[in-house]
Structure formats: C-alpha cells, structure tokens
C-alpha cells in the first residue's frame, strides 16, 4: 500500500469518469497487471538476484534490461523524497492546529518555492527511509511494515466511512452529499464517450498499474528474490492483487466523495499535487473544527503510504548495488542515500533557483520533478515492461516462469491467460502506451 494507491489512483478515477476507470482498471489488474506481477516475482525468486543482475542471470545478453530496470528507482527516489517532505510539512501544519493556513490560496506554491524548508523536510524524510533500509529486510522493512500497514489500512477505512457520511450546502443553496460523490465514483458513465476517450481511460489505467503493483521498476524482482523456494507464489500474487486493488478503491472512496461534496465536479478534475495539497486542504477547512483532526489523520496516513513506497524504491536500488558491486548493506545504503540526496536537492531547486518551463513530448509543461517523472514513468517503465515480455514470451519462453510458479506443486489457475498475455496482448498494449507517452501516437 503506497503513494500510488493513495494519491494517483483517486485523481485518475475522478478524471476518467469514475466507474468506467474502475471497471477498466479491475479488468487490467486481473490480466495485464497479473502478468507483469507474476513475471517479476518469479524472476526474482528464480535468480535470487536484484533487478540490476537478475535479467543477466536469466539470459546473459539481456543484462541491459537490468540496467534500465535499476535506473527507474534511482530516478524516482529523489522526487519521492521531496514529495514525502511536502507531506511532512502539511502533517505538521495540521498537528499544530494551523490547518486553516494550509488551505489558503498560494500556501502550497509559497512552500515549494521556498529555498530552505523544502530541503529540510526532504532530508528528514530521506534519512528515515535510509535508517529503515539500513536495518535490513527482517529488522527494517518487515518490522516497519508490520506496524504501519495495519495502521494505514485502518486509517483508510475510517476516513472512507467518514467521507460517505458528510454533506454540504454551498452559497447557491445546493446540497451535495458524500454518497452522491460515491455513486459518481463507482457507476460507469458512457455519456459522450468516444473511442479516443476510452483509449485515454485504458492507458491511464495501465499506467496506474505500474504504480499500484510496483512493477517495471525493479521492486517486485527485489522482493521476489527474498521469497523462499517453498512459498506458494500463486497465493502470494493473488493476495497482492486483492489487497492492492481494495486499498486503491478505498482511497478513491476516501477522497472523491469528500472533494465532490465540498467542491462539486469541478474540484474532482484537479490532478497530482493540486488534488492533495490544494483541493483537499480546502475540503478540510470547509468541515469546520473537525477538519483539522481529519486533515491530520489524512496526512499521517499519506505519510505512512509515502514511507512504504520510498522504502520499496530504495530497497530495489540498495539490493542492486549489493549484488552487482558486492557491497555491504551499509555501504550500499549510504551510496544510494547520497545519490537520492543530490537528486532531491536538484528537484527542490527546480522550484526556485533552477526554475524553468519546458513542454514535454506528451504536451505537458514541466520542470525538474516533472522531467524525472516523465523519463522514469513514461519512457523507462514501459520499455522495461516491453523488454520483460519479449524476454519471457519469446526468448526464455513462458515455461520458465510457469515452472518457477508451479515448482512447489501449487496450481497455476491462469496459466493459459498468462501465456497469451505475456506473448501477445501485454506487449502490444505496452507499445501503444509508450508511443502515446512519447508523443508519437496522437490519434488515441
């Protein structure tokens, strides 16, 4: 349960028609997402290697794919640390009773364009993640997750239930309720839907799966390498699919009805930082005195999610350094922390001293953080996924992964679906996604 579920999923669902996005996402999670997830966990367990070295062990000439897979978390970690720092800043505002200030126009922009505060919060967040990784898998990641995951789940469920019970009457006398927002979220609307519009929803849902399931960024290969040979991979993969999708859905229940209630459909169209750091604080402010408490709980929950995401991203890099360069965990953690720190400073300065505005191939305006996000998510992740499908589907063949999944005697119920997806359907969808992301496919 990470930042992709809590932050990215709700605004994509709101933007893409609620129920239509949900149905599309669910179908893709059970087919496309299942294929990539199964492949990466099985590669990790079979090779007992991190993403940087696993592909080369599977097939010597495919070492380059491991380099690309490792580059993704290296690029992501700096700006995840920056975003984590933003979350800490907002949490402190609500814990100190200053939630009203956080909802004011210009608060977010004023904070991120500052020269000192964003750097301080980024460094603090990064050091906490580094300490967890330094402690290792059992004493660090596992101990940390056993405490935070149940807390995170409880907070998501609690705020989601509260979000459904609220109502608000605006200045025009129009009353909106959380349940109305919920029905907008879950009921598919095909009104005015075009072929181009459907493909937009499809590609958005595919892109979201990378974040929700942590595929094509080396994380699942790294964690797969720690899985014991007698573990039931089918059961583990099914559990990841079910719980991950459930948390993403609940995140939407938590955010979309609340934003609709206090800001209408217009508020639901906000995306990225605008939704979490601009729109939602205004929602909390509209709730009155209880808004400060709800805001504190919400940003505490988002901080937990950011930490779990950042821990997974850093572990993919640290484990790669350990396997490739035979470093100790201490040295590998220090090296990755220094790299992430340097990148994080660059991202923070991108909002003040190094600010610029360029247009990316997909038409979006960008500065440092957006460029790093574009390279990692829009370019490298689809490339890694395409390469993985070609390697498994046509070079080492699907039987390699199927054999790894079934070696404990467990039944691989979606075996035929897996073969068709990894060889044919997933590569085609991924090529379309990549071409659309880099601006070479504009008709969709």
Protein backbone atom coordinates (compact mmCIF):
# COMPACT_ATOMS: atom_id res chain seq x y z
CA UNK A 1 0.00 0.00 0.00
CA UNK A 2 1.88 3.00 -1.25
CA UNK A 3 1.66 6.53 -2.55
CA UNK A 4 0.43 5.36 -5.95
CA UNK A 5 -2.74 3.96 -4.35
CA UNK A 6 -3.45 6.91 -2.07
CA UNK A 7 -2.51 9.80 -4.34
CA UNK A 8 -2.53 8.86 -8.02
CA UNK A 9 -5.43 6.40 -8.24
CA UNK A 10 -8.18 8.73 -6.90
CA UNK A 11 -7.42 11.65 -9.22
CA UNK A 12 -7.20 9.40 -12.29
CA UNK A 13 -10.51 7.80 -11.34
CA UNK A 14 -12.10 11.24 -10.93
CA UNK A 15 -10.64 12.49 -14.21
CA UNK A 16 -11.64 9.43 -16.22
CA UNK A 17 -15.29 9.08 -15.30
CA UNK A 18 -15.17 7.18 -12.02
CA UNK A 19 -16.88 3.85 -12.63
CA UNK A 20 -15.54 3.46 -16.17
CA UNK A 21 -11.99 3.81 -14.90
CA UNK A 22 -12.69 1.38 -12.03
CA UNK A 23 -14.03 -1.35 -14.33
CA UNK A 24 -11.16 -0.88 -16.80
CA UNK A 25 -8.60 -0.93 -14.01
CA UNK A 26 -10.07 -4.08 -12.46
CA UNK A 27 -10.01 -5.97 -15.78
CA UNK A 28 -6.42 -4.88 -16.43
CA UNK A 29 -5.34 -5.75 -12.87
CA UNK A 30 -6.60 -9.32 -13.33
CA UNK A 31 -4.91 -9.72 -16.72
CA UNK A 32 -2.18 -7.22 -17.61
CA UNK A 33 -1.13 -6.44 -14.02
CA UNK A 34 -1.26 -10.11 -13.02
CA UNK A 35 1.08 -10.97 -15.91
CA UNK A 36 3.76 -8.41 -15.04
CA UNK A 37 3.49 -9.10 -11.31
CA UNK A 38 3.82 -12.87 -11.75
CA UNK A 39 6.76 -12.47 -14.12
CA UNK A 40 8.79 -10.16 -11.89
CA UNK A 41 8.25 -12.05 -8.62
CA UNK A 42 9.10 -15.34 -10.35
CA UNK A 43 12.25 -13.86 -11.93
CA UNK A 44 13.34 -12.61 -8.52
CA UNK A 45 12.81 -15.95 -6.78
CA UNK A 46 14.34 -17.99 -9.63
CA UNK A 47 17.53 -15.92 -9.88
CA UNK A 48 17.81 -14.85 -6.22
CA UNK A 49 19.08 -11.55 -7.60
CA UNK A 50 18.14 -7.87 -7.54
CA UNK A 51 16.79 -6.16 -10.70
CA UNK A 52 20.23 -4.96 -11.85
CA UNK A 53 21.62 -8.51 -12.08
CA UNK A 54 18.51 -10.75 -12.39
CA UNK A 55 17.92 -10.28 -16.11
CA UNK A 56 21.54 -11.12 -16.94
CA UNK A 57 21.32 -14.30 -14.89
CA UNK A 58 18.15 -15.27 -16.74
CA UNK A 59 19.78 -14.57 -20.13
CA UNK A 60 23.33 -13.19 -20.39
CA UNK A 61 22.70 -10.91 -23.38
CA UNK A 62 19.76 -9.22 -21.59
CA UNK A 63 21.83 -7.57 -18.86
CA UNK A 64 20.94 -4.18 -20.34
CA UNK A 65 17.33 -4.67 -19.26
CA UNK A 66 18.52 -4.91 -15.66
CA UNK A 67 20.31 -1.58 -16.03
CA UNK A 68 17.09 0.06 -17.29
CA UNK A 69 15.06 -1.56 -14.50
CA UNK A 70 17.50 -0.27 -11.87
CA UNK A 71 17.56 3.24 -13.37
CA UNK A 72 13.84 3.63 -12.69
CA UNK A 73 14.05 3.57 -8.85
CA UNK A 74 17.29 5.59 -8.97
CA UNK A 75 15.39 8.38 -10.75
CA UNK A 76 12.20 8.02 -8.69
CA UNK A 77 13.79 8.05 -5.22
CA UNK A 78 14.87 11.73 -5.22
CA UNK A 79 11.46 13.15 -6.09
CA UNK A 80 9.63 10.66 -3.85
CA UNK A 81 11.75 12.08 -1.02
CA UNK A 82 10.75 15.61 -1.99
CA UNK A 83 7.04 14.69 -2.09
CA UNK A 84 7.47 12.88 1.24
CA UNK A 85 8.85 16.13 2.64
CA UNK A 86 5.79 18.00 1.37
CA UNK A 87 3.55 15.53 3.21
CA UNK A 88 5.52 16.01 6.45
CA UNK A 89 5.11 19.79 6.13
CA UNK A 90 1.32 19.50 5.79
CA UNK A 91 1.07 16.97 8.60
CA UNK A 92 2.92 19.34 10.93
CA UNK A 93 0.60 22.18 9.90
CA UNK A 94 -2.47 20.18 10.92
CA UNK A 95 -0.87 18.75 14.08
CA UNK A 96 -0.07 22.29 15.25
CA UNK A 97 -3.62 23.50 14.55
CA UNK A 98 -2.58 25.55 11.53
CA UNK A 99 -4.77 23.71 9.02
CA UNK A 100 -6.55 26.93 8.04
CA UNK A 101 -3.28 28.35 6.72
CA UNK A 102 -2.67 25.18 4.69
CA UNK A 103 -5.96 25.73 2.87
CA UNK A 104 -5.16 29.33 1.90
CA UNK A 105 -4.53 30.22 -1.74
CA UNK A 106 -0.81 30.26 -2.51
CA UNK A 107 0.22 28.21 0.56
CA UNK A 108 1.48 25.23 -1.44
CA UNK A 109 3.23 27.35 -4.06
CA UNK A 110 4.79 29.53 -1.38
CA UNK A 111 6.14 26.46 0.41
CA UNK A 112 7.64 24.56 -2.56
CA UNK A 113 9.26 27.71 -3.97
CA UNK A 114 10.98 28.41 -0.67
CA UNK A 115 14.72 27.81 -0.50
CA UNK A 116 15.21 26.22 2.93
CA UNK A 117 12.03 24.50 4.17
CA UNK A 118 11.54 22.02 1.29
CA UNK A 119 15.19 20.94 1.58
CA UNK A 120 14.93 20.40 5.34
CA UNK A 121 11.77 18.30 5.09
CA UNK A 122 13.16 16.30 2.14
CA UNK A 123 16.35 15.46 4.05
CA UNK A 124 14.40 14.42 7.14
CA UNK A 125 12.13 12.10 5.15
CA UNK A 126 15.04 10.57 3.24
CA UNK A 127 17.02 9.85 6.41
CA UNK A 128 14.08 7.99 7.99
CA UNK A 129 13.82 5.78 4.87
CA UNK A 130 17.59 5.20 4.88
CA UNK A 131 17.53 4.06 8.51
CA UNK A 132 14.78 1.53 7.74
CA UNK A 133 16.72 0.16 4.75
CA UNK A 134 19.97 0.11 6.75
CA UNK A 135 18.33 -2.23 9.29
CA UNK A 136 17.71 -4.78 6.53
CA UNK A 137 14.78 -6.87 5.36
CA UNK A 138 13.71 -8.56 8.59
CA UNK A 139 14.60 -5.95 11.21
CA UNK A 140 13.94 -2.95 8.97
CA UNK A 141 11.40 -3.38 6.17
CA UNK A 142 9.40 -6.25 7.70
CA UNK A 143 9.24 -4.82 11.24
CA UNK A 144 8.32 -1.39 9.85
CA UNK A 145 5.61 -2.82 7.57
CA UNK A 146 4.03 -5.00 10.27
CA UNK A 147 3.26 -1.87 12.29
CA UNK A 148 2.47 0.70 9.59
CA UNK A 149 0.44 -1.43 7.17
CA UNK A 150 -2.39 -2.28 9.61
CA UNK A 151 -2.44 1.35 10.82
CA UNK A 152 -2.57 2.60 7.25
CA UNK A 153 -5.42 0.24 6.38
CA UNK A 154 -7.43 1.25 9.47
CA UNK A 155 -7.00 4.94 8.68
CA UNK A 156 -8.02 4.48 5.04
CA UNK A 157 -11.18 2.59 6.07
CA UNK A 158 -12.02 5.07 8.83
CA UNK A 159 -11.68 8.19 6.67
CA UNK A 160 -13.50 6.47 3.78
CA UNK A 161 -16.51 5.74 6.02
CA UNK A 162 -16.49 9.33 7.31
CA UNK A 163 -16.31 10.65 3.73
CA UNK A 164 -19.56 8.86 2.87
CA UNK A 165 -21.46 10.46 5.77
CA UNK A 166 -20.76 14.14 5.09
CA UNK A 167 -22.97 16.72 3.38
CA UNK A 168 -22.54 20.40 2.46
CA UNK A 169 -24.77 23.23 1.24
CA UNK A 170 -22.94 25.79 -0.91
CA UNK A 171 -23.66 29.51 -1.30
CA UNK A 172 -26.22 28.82 -4.04
CA UNK A 173 -28.24 26.61 -1.72
CA UNK A 174 -27.19 23.37 -3.48
CA UNK A 175 -26.68 20.47 -1.10
CA UNK A 176 -24.23 17.72 -2.02
CA UNK A 177 -23.51 14.55 -0.05
CA UNK A 178 -20.70 12.07 0.18
CA UNK A 179 -22.97 9.28 -1.06
CA UNK A 180 -23.70 11.24 -4.25
CA UNK A 181 -19.96 11.52 -4.81
CA UNK A 182 -19.61 7.80 -4.14
CA UNK A 183 -22.14 6.90 -6.85
CA UNK A 184 -20.31 9.17 -9.31
CA UNK A 185 -17.15 7.29 -8.38
CA UNK A 186 -18.47 3.72 -8.82
CA UNK A 187 -21.14 3.92 -11.57
CA UNK A 188 -19.66 3.91 -15.10
CA UNK A 189 -20.86 6.77 -17.28
CA UNK A 190 -20.70 6.23 -21.05
CA UNK A 191 -22.30 9.57 -21.88
CA UNK A 192 -20.28 11.32 -24.57
CA UNK A 193 -17.65 8.57 -24.57
CA UNK A 194 -15.59 8.34 -27.78
CA UNK A 195 -13.07 5.76 -28.95
CA UNK A 196 -10.28 8.24 -28.19
CA UNK A 197 -11.76 8.86 -24.74
CA UNK A 198 -11.89 5.14 -24.00
CA UNK A 199 -8.26 4.67 -25.01
CA UNK A 200 -7.31 7.53 -22.70
CA UNK A 201 -9.01 5.72 -19.81
CA UNK A 202 -7.37 2.43 -20.84
CA UNK A 203 -3.86 3.90 -20.99
CA UNK A 204 -4.34 5.82 -17.73
CA UNK A 205 -5.40 2.60 -16.00
CA UNK A 206 -2.38 0.77 -17.45
CA UNK A 207 -0.04 3.49 -16.28
CA UNK A 208 -1.58 3.39 -12.81
CA UNK A 209 -0.95 -0.35 -12.56
CA UNK A 210 2.79 0.30 -12.70
CA UNK A 211 2.47 2.39 -9.54
CA UNK A 212 -0.11 0.33 -7.68
CA UNK A 213 1.59 -3.04 -8.24
CA UNK A 214 5.14 -1.62 -8.25
CA UNK A 215 6.02 -3.39 -11.50
CA UNK A 216 8.57 -2.34 -14.15
CA UNK A 217 10.64 -0.54 -11.52
CA UNK A 218 12.62 -3.46 -10.09
CA UNK A 219 10.81 -3.56 -6.76
CA UNK A 220 8.98 -6.85 -7.23
CA UNK A 221 12.11 -8.56 -8.56
CA UNK A 222 14.00 -7.42 -5.45
CA UNK A 223 11.26 -8.63 -3.10
CA UNK A 224 10.82 -11.81 -5.15
CA UNK A 225 14.48 -12.65 -4.56
CA UNK A 226 13.75 -12.86 -0.82
CA UNK A 227 10.82 -15.29 -1.23
CA UNK A 228 11.55 -18.81 0.00
CA UNK A 229 11.54 -21.65 -2.54
CA UNK A 230 8.74 -23.46 -0.70
CA UNK A 231 6.41 -20.44 -0.72
CA UNK A 232 3.15 -20.60 -2.69
CA UNK A 233 3.64 -17.87 -5.33
CA UNK A 234 0.09 -18.16 -6.69
CA UNK A 235 -1.40 -17.42 -3.28
CA UNK A 236 1.01 -14.53 -2.68
CA UNK A 237 0.27 -12.97 -6.08
CA UNK A 238 -3.49 -13.31 -5.55
CA UNK A 239 -3.19 -11.62 -2.15
CA UNK A 240 -1.22 -8.72 -3.65
CA UNK A 241 -3.83 -8.25 -6.38
CA UNK A 242 -6.77 -8.35 -3.97
CA UNK A 243 -5.38 -6.13 -1.20
CA UNK A 244 -3.71 -3.64 -3.53
CA UNK A 245 -6.88 -3.16 -5.59
CA UNK A 246 -9.00 -2.92 -2.43
CA UNK A 247 -6.78 -0.20 -0.94
CA UNK A 248 -6.76 1.77 -4.22
CA UNK A 249 -10.56 1.56 -4.34
CA UNK A 250 -10.88 2.67 -0.70
CA UNK A 251 -8.53 5.60 -1.37
CA UNK A 252 -10.98 6.74 -4.02
CA UNK A 253 -13.89 6.32 -1.57
CA UNK A 254 -11.93 8.38 0.94
CA UNK A 255 -11.09 11.29 -1.39
CA UNK A 256 -13.58 11.60 -4.27
CA UNK A 257 -16.87 11.85 -2.28
CA UNK A 258 -15.31 14.45 0.04
CA UNK A 259 -14.00 16.59 -2.81
CA UNK A 260 -17.34 16.33 -4.65
CA UNK A 261 -19.31 17.26 -1.52
CA UNK A 262 -17.41 20.48 -0.84
CA UNK A 263 -16.15 21.46 -4.32
CA UNK A 264 -18.51 19.81 -6.82
CA UNK A 265 -17.48 18.13 -10.06
CA UNK A 266 -15.03 20.94 -10.82
CA UNK A 267 -12.98 20.07 -7.75
CA UNK A 268 -12.78 16.44 -8.87
CA UNK A 269 -10.89 17.45 -12.00
CA UNK A 270 -7.79 18.54 -10.08
CA UNK A 271 -4.80 16.26 -10.54
CA UNK A 272 -1.47 15.46 -8.93
CA UNK A 273 -0.25 17.94 -6.31
CA UNK A 274 -3.31 20.14 -6.89
CA UNK A 275 -5.65 17.48 -5.53
CA UNK A 276 -3.73 16.50 -2.41
CA UNK A 277 -2.03 19.75 -1.47
CA UNK A 278 -4.52 22.36 -2.71
CA UNK A 279 -8.04 20.93 -3.11
CA UNK A 280 -8.14 18.60 -0.09
CA UNK A 281 -6.95 21.22 2.45
CA UNK A 282 -9.83 23.40 1.25
CA UNK A 283 -12.17 20.46 1.85
CA UNK A 284 -10.83 20.02 5.38
CA UNK A 285 -11.23 23.75 6.01
CA UNK A 286 -14.87 23.56 4.91
CA UNK A 287 -15.53 20.86 7.51
CA UNK A 288 -15.12 23.31 10.39
CA UNK A 289 -13.36 22.32 13.64
CA UNK A 290 -13.33 18.61 12.82
CA UNK A 291 -11.47 19.42 9.59
CA UNK A 292 -8.19 19.96 11.43
CA UNK A 293 -8.42 16.49 13.00
CA UNK A 294 -9.41 14.83 9.71
CA UNK A 295 -6.60 16.69 7.94
CA UNK A 296 -4.06 15.47 10.49
CA UNK A 297 -5.27 11.88 10.17
CA UNK A 298 -5.26 12.10 6.38
CA UNK A 299 -1.72 13.42 6.06
CA UNK A 300 -0.49 10.96 8.71
CA UNK A 301 -1.92 8.22 6.53
CA UNK A 302 -0.36 9.69 3.38
CA UNK A 303 2.98 9.88 5.18
CA UNK A 304 2.76 6.18 6.02
CA UNK A 305 2.00 5.45 2.37
CA UNK A 306 4.89 7.64 1.19
CA UNK A 307 7.26 5.86 3.56
CA UNK A 308 6.22 2.40 2.37
CA UNK A 309 6.67 3.48 -1.26
CA UNK A 310 10.05 5.09 -0.65
CA UNK A 311 11.31 2.09 1.35
CA UNK A 312 10.43 -0.24 -1.55
CA UNK A 313 12.04 2.05 -4.12
CA UNK A 314 15.26 2.42 -2.12
CA UNK A 315 15.48 -1.31 -1.42
CA UNK A 316 15.41 -2.05 -5.17
CA UNK A 317 18.48 0.17 -5.63
CA UNK A 318 20.36 -0.92 -2.49
CA UNK A 319 19.90 -4.62 -3.26
CA UNK A 320 21.15 -3.97 -6.81
CA UNK A 321 24.32 -2.29 -5.54
CA UNK A 322 24.87 -5.18 -3.12
CA UNK A 323 24.56 -7.85 -5.83
CA UNK A 324 26.41 -6.04 -8.61
CA UNK A 325 29.26 -4.49 -6.66
CA UNK A 326 29.36 -6.91 -3.69
CA UNK A 327 28.87 -4.05 -1.24
CA UNK A 328 27.70 -4.40 2.33
CA UNK A 329 24.17 -3.18 3.04
CA UNK A 330 25.63 -0.27 5.00
CA UNK A 331 27.78 0.98 2.13
CA UNK A 332 25.03 0.43 -0.46
CA UNK A 333 22.52 2.34 1.68
CA UNK A 334 24.92 5.25 2.18
CA UNK A 335 25.68 5.42 -1.56
CA UNK A 336 22.01 5.43 -2.56
CA UNK A 337 21.19 7.99 0.14
CA UNK A 338 23.87 10.33 -1.25
CA UNK A 339 22.55 9.86 -4.81
CA UNK A 340 18.95 10.47 -3.70
CA UNK A 341 20.01 13.48 -1.64
CA UNK A 342 21.78 15.07 -4.60
CA UNK A 343 18.77 14.44 -6.83
CA UNK A 344 16.38 15.69 -4.15
CA UNK A 345 18.28 18.96 -3.81
CA UNK A 346 18.08 19.38 -7.59
CA UNK A 347 14.29 18.81 -7.51
CA UNK A 348 13.81 21.35 -4.70
CA UNK A 349 15.91 23.94 -6.52
CA UNK A 350 13.81 23.31 -9.62
CA UNK A 351 11.05 25.36 -7.99
CA UNK A 352 13.22 28.39 -7.28
CA UNK A 353 16.86 28.95 -8.36
CA UNK A 354 16.76 26.38 -11.19
CA UNK A 355 13.19 27.03 -12.29
CA UNK A 356 12.35 26.72 -15.98
CA UNK A 357 9.33 25.67 -18.01
CA UNK A 358 9.56 23.33 -20.99
CA UNK A 359 6.93 21.38 -22.92
CA UNK A 360 7.36 17.59 -22.92
CA UNK A 361 6.61 15.38 -25.97
CA UNK A 362 3.25 14.47 -24.40
CA UNK A 363 2.30 18.17 -24.27
CA UNK A 364 2.72 18.67 -20.51
CA UNK A 365 4.55 21.68 -19.07
CA UNK A 366 7.47 20.60 -16.89
CA UNK A 367 10.41 21.47 -14.68
CA UNK A 368 12.92 19.21 -12.90
CA UNK A 369 10.48 16.96 -10.97
CA UNK A 370 8.19 16.55 -13.99
CA UNK A 371 11.10 15.68 -16.28
CA UNK A 372 12.36 12.99 -13.87
CA UNK A 373 8.81 11.65 -13.55
CA UNK A 374 8.39 11.64 -17.33
CA UNK A 375 11.67 9.80 -18.01
CA UNK A 376 11.06 7.16 -15.34
CA UNK A 377 7.32 6.60 -15.72
CA UNK A 378 6.50 7.44 -19.33
CA UNK A 379 9.66 6.18 -21.00
CA UNK A 380 11.70 3.71 -18.93
CA UNK A 381 8.90 1.77 -17.23
CA UNK A 382 7.08 0.87 -20.47
CA UNK A 383 10.46 -0.03 -22.04
CA UNK A 384 11.33 -2.33 -19.13
CA UNK A 385 7.91 -3.97 -19.28
CA UNK A 386 8.11 -4.47 -23.06
CA UNK A 387 11.61 -5.94 -22.75
CA UNK A 388 10.47 -8.25 -19.95
CA UNK A 389 7.54 -9.53 -22.04
CA UNK A 390 9.80 -10.17 -25.05
CA UNK A 391 12.44 -11.92 -22.92
CA UNK A 392 9.95 -14.17 -21.16
CA UNK A 393 7.46 -14.60 -24.02
CA UNK A 394 9.87 -15.25 -26.89
CA UNK A 395 13.44 -15.86 -25.62
CA UNK A 396 13.42 -17.97 -22.43
CA UNK A 397 9.74 -18.80 -23.09
CA UNK A 398 6.80 -18.68 -20.65
CA UNK A 399 7.54 -22.20 -19.39
CA UNK A 400 10.46 -20.70 -17.43
CA UNK A 401 8.14 -18.58 -15.32
CA UNK A 402 5.37 -21.19 -15.19
CA UNK A 403 7.86 -23.78 -13.93
CA UNK A 404 9.03 -21.41 -11.19
CA UNK A 405 5.45 -20.69 -10.09
CA UNK A 406 4.45 -24.37 -10.05
CA UNK A 407 7.61 -25.87 -8.56
CA UNK A 408 6.05 -26.18 -5.10
CA UNK A 409 3.13 -28.12 -6.57
CA UNK A 410 0.65 -25.23 -6.43
CA UNK A 411 -1.90 -24.94 -9.24
CA UNK A 412 -1.36 -22.02 -11.65
CA UNK A 413 -5.02 -21.36 -12.44
CA UNK A 414 -4.49 -18.60 -15.00
CA UNK A 415 -1.66 -20.35 -16.87
CA UNK A 416 -3.16 -20.08 -20.36
CA UNK A 417 -4.14 -16.46 -19.78
CA UNK A 418 -0.58 -15.76 -18.66
CA UNK A 419 0.93 -17.22 -21.84
CA UNK A 420 -1.38 -15.24 -24.15
CA UNK A 421 -0.86 -12.01 -22.19
CA UNK A 422 2.94 -12.17 -21.90
CA UNK A 423 3.48 -13.14 -25.54
CA UNK A 424 0.87 -11.12 -27.39
CA UNK A 425 -1.55 -8.79 -25.63
CA UNK A 426 0.68 -7.13 -23.00
CA UNK A 427 3.49 -6.20 -25.45
CA UNK A 428 1.00 -4.63 -27.88
CA UNK A 429 -0.68 -2.59 -25.14
CA UNK A 430 2.70 -1.52 -23.79
CA UNK A 431 3.95 -0.37 -27.20
CA UNK A 432 0.78 1.72 -27.62
CA UNK A 433 1.31 3.19 -24.14
CA UNK A 434 4.95 4.03 -24.90
CA UNK A 435 4.17 5.63 -28.27
CA UNK A 436 1.39 7.68 -26.69
CA UNK A 437 3.66 8.73 -23.80
CA UNK A 438 6.47 9.99 -26.05
CA UNK A 439 4.09 11.83 -28.37
CA UNK A 440 4.40 9.57 -31.42
CA UNK A 441 0.79 8.40 -31.26
CA UNK A 442 -1.63 11.32 -31.21
CA UNK A 443 -4.77 9.77 -32.74
CA UNK A 444 -5.52 7.99 -29.44
